[in-house]
């Protein structure tokens, strides 16, 4: 396999996205290719970081994380990379995006309660060079998937 992603690679990725617990044999049967081909392709996709890891898709509200927030952060000076690195280490933060527009970074975070959200916002304000934040609380989740249709 070359470093270029082809249709078979995409089909393998689709299968793994739908159920990453299925065996290489099951995927091979569905795609009508040899099991060794699936094994080799998945290993190459892992080696090239096309597939970064296999994770469990959790319904966080069912484990007590009912509060989601989107937090815009404005940072002064050239310290954005350091601030983003600190923010990415926060356990409630699931995504940190370096963005254009009114904010320098956008965070996605989940919490069990308002106090936990409040604590994080106050902690962010204590980080050197953080000028301000803007917090939006999610009222209803219409769609939340960690991936797109390929």
Protein backbone atom coordinates (compact mmCIF):
# COMPACT_ATOMS: atom_id res chain seq x y z
CA UNK A 1 0.00 0.00 0.00
CA UNK A 2 1.31 3.45 -0.84
CA UNK A 3 0.83 6.45 1.42
CA UNK A 4 -2.13 7.51 -0.70
CA UNK A 5 -5.56 6.69 0.71
CA UNK A 6 -7.66 4.71 -1.75
CA UNK A 7 -11.28 3.54 -1.77
CA UNK A 8 -10.48 0.30 0.08
CA UNK A 9 -8.84 2.30 2.87
CA UNK A 10 -11.94 4.49 3.09
CA UNK A 11 -14.19 1.43 3.21
CA UNK A 12 -12.08 -0.02 6.05
CA UNK A 13 -12.27 3.30 7.90
CA UNK A 14 -16.06 3.35 7.47
CA UNK A 15 -16.34 -0.16 8.86
CA UNK A 16 -14.15 0.67 11.85
CA UNK A 17 -16.10 3.88 12.49
CA UNK A 18 -19.36 1.94 12.59
CA UNK A 19 -17.96 -0.76 14.90
CA UNK A 20 -14.28 -0.81 15.79
CA UNK A 21 -14.77 -4.05 17.74
CA UNK A 22 -15.40 -6.14 14.66
CA UNK A 23 -12.63 -8.51 13.69
CA UNK A 24 -10.42 -8.20 10.64
CA UNK A 25 -12.08 -11.37 9.38
CA UNK A 26 -15.54 -9.77 9.61
CA UNK A 27 -14.34 -6.66 7.79
CA UNK A 28 -12.64 -8.78 5.13
CA UNK A 29 -15.82 -10.75 4.52
CA UNK A 30 -17.91 -7.57 4.22
CA UNK A 31 -15.44 -5.99 1.79
CA UNK A 32 -14.68 -9.23 -0.07
CA UNK A 33 -10.91 -9.07 0.43
CA UNK A 34 -8.39 -11.22 2.27
CA UNK A 35 -8.07 -10.88 6.04
CA UNK A 36 -4.32 -10.25 5.62
CA UNK A 37 -5.13 -7.28 3.39
CA UNK A 38 -7.28 -5.76 6.12
CA UNK A 39 -4.57 -6.41 8.70
CA UNK A 40 -1.89 -4.76 6.55
CA UNK A 41 -4.09 -1.81 5.61
CA UNK A 42 -5.15 -1.11 9.21
CA UNK A 43 -1.53 -1.30 10.38
CA UNK A 44 -0.46 1.15 7.66
CA UNK A 45 -3.35 3.50 8.58
CA UNK A 46 -2.16 3.36 12.20
CA UNK A 47 1.51 3.88 11.29
CA UNK A 48 0.68 6.95 9.18
CA UNK A 49 -1.68 8.33 11.88
CA UNK A 50 -4.68 8.28 9.58
CA UNK A 51 -6.22 6.22 12.37
CA UNK A 52 -4.97 7.80 15.58
CA UNK A 53 -6.57 5.44 18.09
CA UNK A 54 -9.62 3.35 18.79
CA UNK A 55 -11.99 4.97 21.27
CA UNK A 56 -15.35 4.34 22.89
CA UNK A 57 -18.15 6.73 21.88
CA UNK A 58 -19.69 7.64 25.24
CA UNK A 59 -23.04 9.28 25.91
CA UNK A 60 -21.67 11.63 28.55
CA UNK A 61 -25.10 12.69 29.80
CA UNK A 62 -25.70 9.08 30.89
CA UNK A 63 -22.60 9.21 33.10
CA UNK A 64 -23.50 12.51 34.71
CA UNK A 65 -21.95 15.07 32.38
CA UNK A 66 -25.16 16.89 31.44
CA UNK A 67 -23.66 20.35 31.00
CA UNK A 68 -21.76 21.22 27.83
CA UNK A 69 -20.10 24.56 27.18
CA UNK A 70 -18.41 26.30 24.31
CA UNK A 71 -15.85 28.80 25.55
CA UNK A 72 -14.21 31.46 23.42
CA UNK A 73 -10.84 32.66 24.70
CA UNK A 74 -8.99 35.86 23.77
CA UNK A 75 -5.24 35.84 24.45
CA UNK A 76 -2.82 38.79 24.40
CA UNK A 77 0.58 38.72 22.81
CA UNK A 78 2.23 35.71 21.26
CA UNK A 79 1.40 33.32 24.08
CA UNK A 80 -1.49 31.51 22.38
CA UNK A 81 0.37 28.19 21.92
CA UNK A 82 1.29 28.03 25.61
CA UNK A 83 -2.25 28.94 26.69
CA UNK A 84 -3.76 26.34 24.37
CA UNK A 85 -1.36 23.71 25.70
CA UNK A 86 -2.51 24.43 29.27
CA UNK A 87 -6.17 24.40 28.26
CA UNK A 88 -5.80 21.09 26.42
CA UNK A 89 -4.63 19.43 29.65
CA UNK A 90 -7.87 20.26 31.49
CA UNK A 91 -9.78 17.00 32.05
CA UNK A 92 -13.21 18.45 31.21
CA UNK A 93 -12.02 19.95 27.92
CA UNK A 94 -12.65 17.66 24.96
CA UNK A 95 -11.50 20.00 22.17
CA UNK A 96 -9.28 23.06 21.78
CA UNK A 97 -9.43 24.85 18.45
CA UNK A 98 -7.06 27.60 17.32
CA UNK A 99 -9.45 29.78 15.30
CA UNK A 100 -9.83 32.97 13.31
CA UNK A 101 -12.30 35.69 14.15
CA UNK A 102 -13.20 37.36 17.41
CA UNK A 103 -11.60 34.66 19.58
CA UNK A 104 -8.14 33.14 19.47
CA UNK A 105 -9.26 29.73 20.73
CA UNK A 106 -12.51 27.86 21.17
CA UNK A 107 -12.93 25.14 23.81
CA UNK A 108 -15.55 22.42 24.03
CA UNK A 109 -16.01 21.10 27.54
CA UNK A 110 -18.41 18.93 29.54
CA UNK A 111 -19.32 19.21 33.21
CA UNK A 112 -21.37 17.49 35.89
CA UNK A 113 -22.58 20.79 37.33
CA UNK A 114 -22.45 24.59 37.02
CA UNK A 115 -19.86 24.89 39.77
CA UNK A 116 -17.39 22.79 37.78
CA UNK A 117 -17.94 25.04 34.76
CA UNK A 118 -17.49 28.12 36.94
CA UNK A 119 -14.27 26.70 38.38
CA UNK A 120 -12.82 26.10 34.92
CA UNK A 121 -13.70 29.59 33.68
CA UNK A 122 -12.05 31.13 36.74
CA UNK A 123 -8.99 28.92 36.22
CA UNK A 124 -8.76 30.07 32.59
CA UNK A 125 -8.81 33.71 33.69
CA UNK A 126 -5.81 33.05 35.95
CA UNK A 127 -3.67 31.87 33.03
CA UNK A 128 -1.18 34.62 32.11
CA UNK A 129 -2.13 36.62 28.99
CA UNK A 130 -5.75 35.45 28.88
CA UNK A 131 -7.59 38.69 28.24
CA UNK A 132 -11.20 37.46 28.35
CA UNK A 133 -13.54 34.54 27.79
CA UNK A 134 -17.03 34.15 26.43
CA UNK A 135 -18.99 31.13 27.61
CA UNK A 136 -22.00 29.62 25.88
CA UNK A 137 -23.97 26.85 27.58
CA UNK A 138 -25.47 24.20 25.32
CA UNK A 139 -29.23 23.89 25.80
CA UNK A 140 -29.95 20.94 23.49
CA UNK A 141 -27.65 18.63 21.60
CA UNK A 142 -29.00 18.20 18.08
CA UNK A 143 -25.98 16.31 16.72
CA UNK A 144 -22.75 15.31 18.41
CA UNK A 145 -20.46 12.99 16.56
CA UNK A 146 -16.73 12.89 16.65
CA UNK A 147 -16.19 12.39 12.98
CA UNK A 148 -17.74 13.10 9.64
CA UNK A 149 -19.23 10.90 6.99
CA UNK A 150 -16.37 9.82 4.76
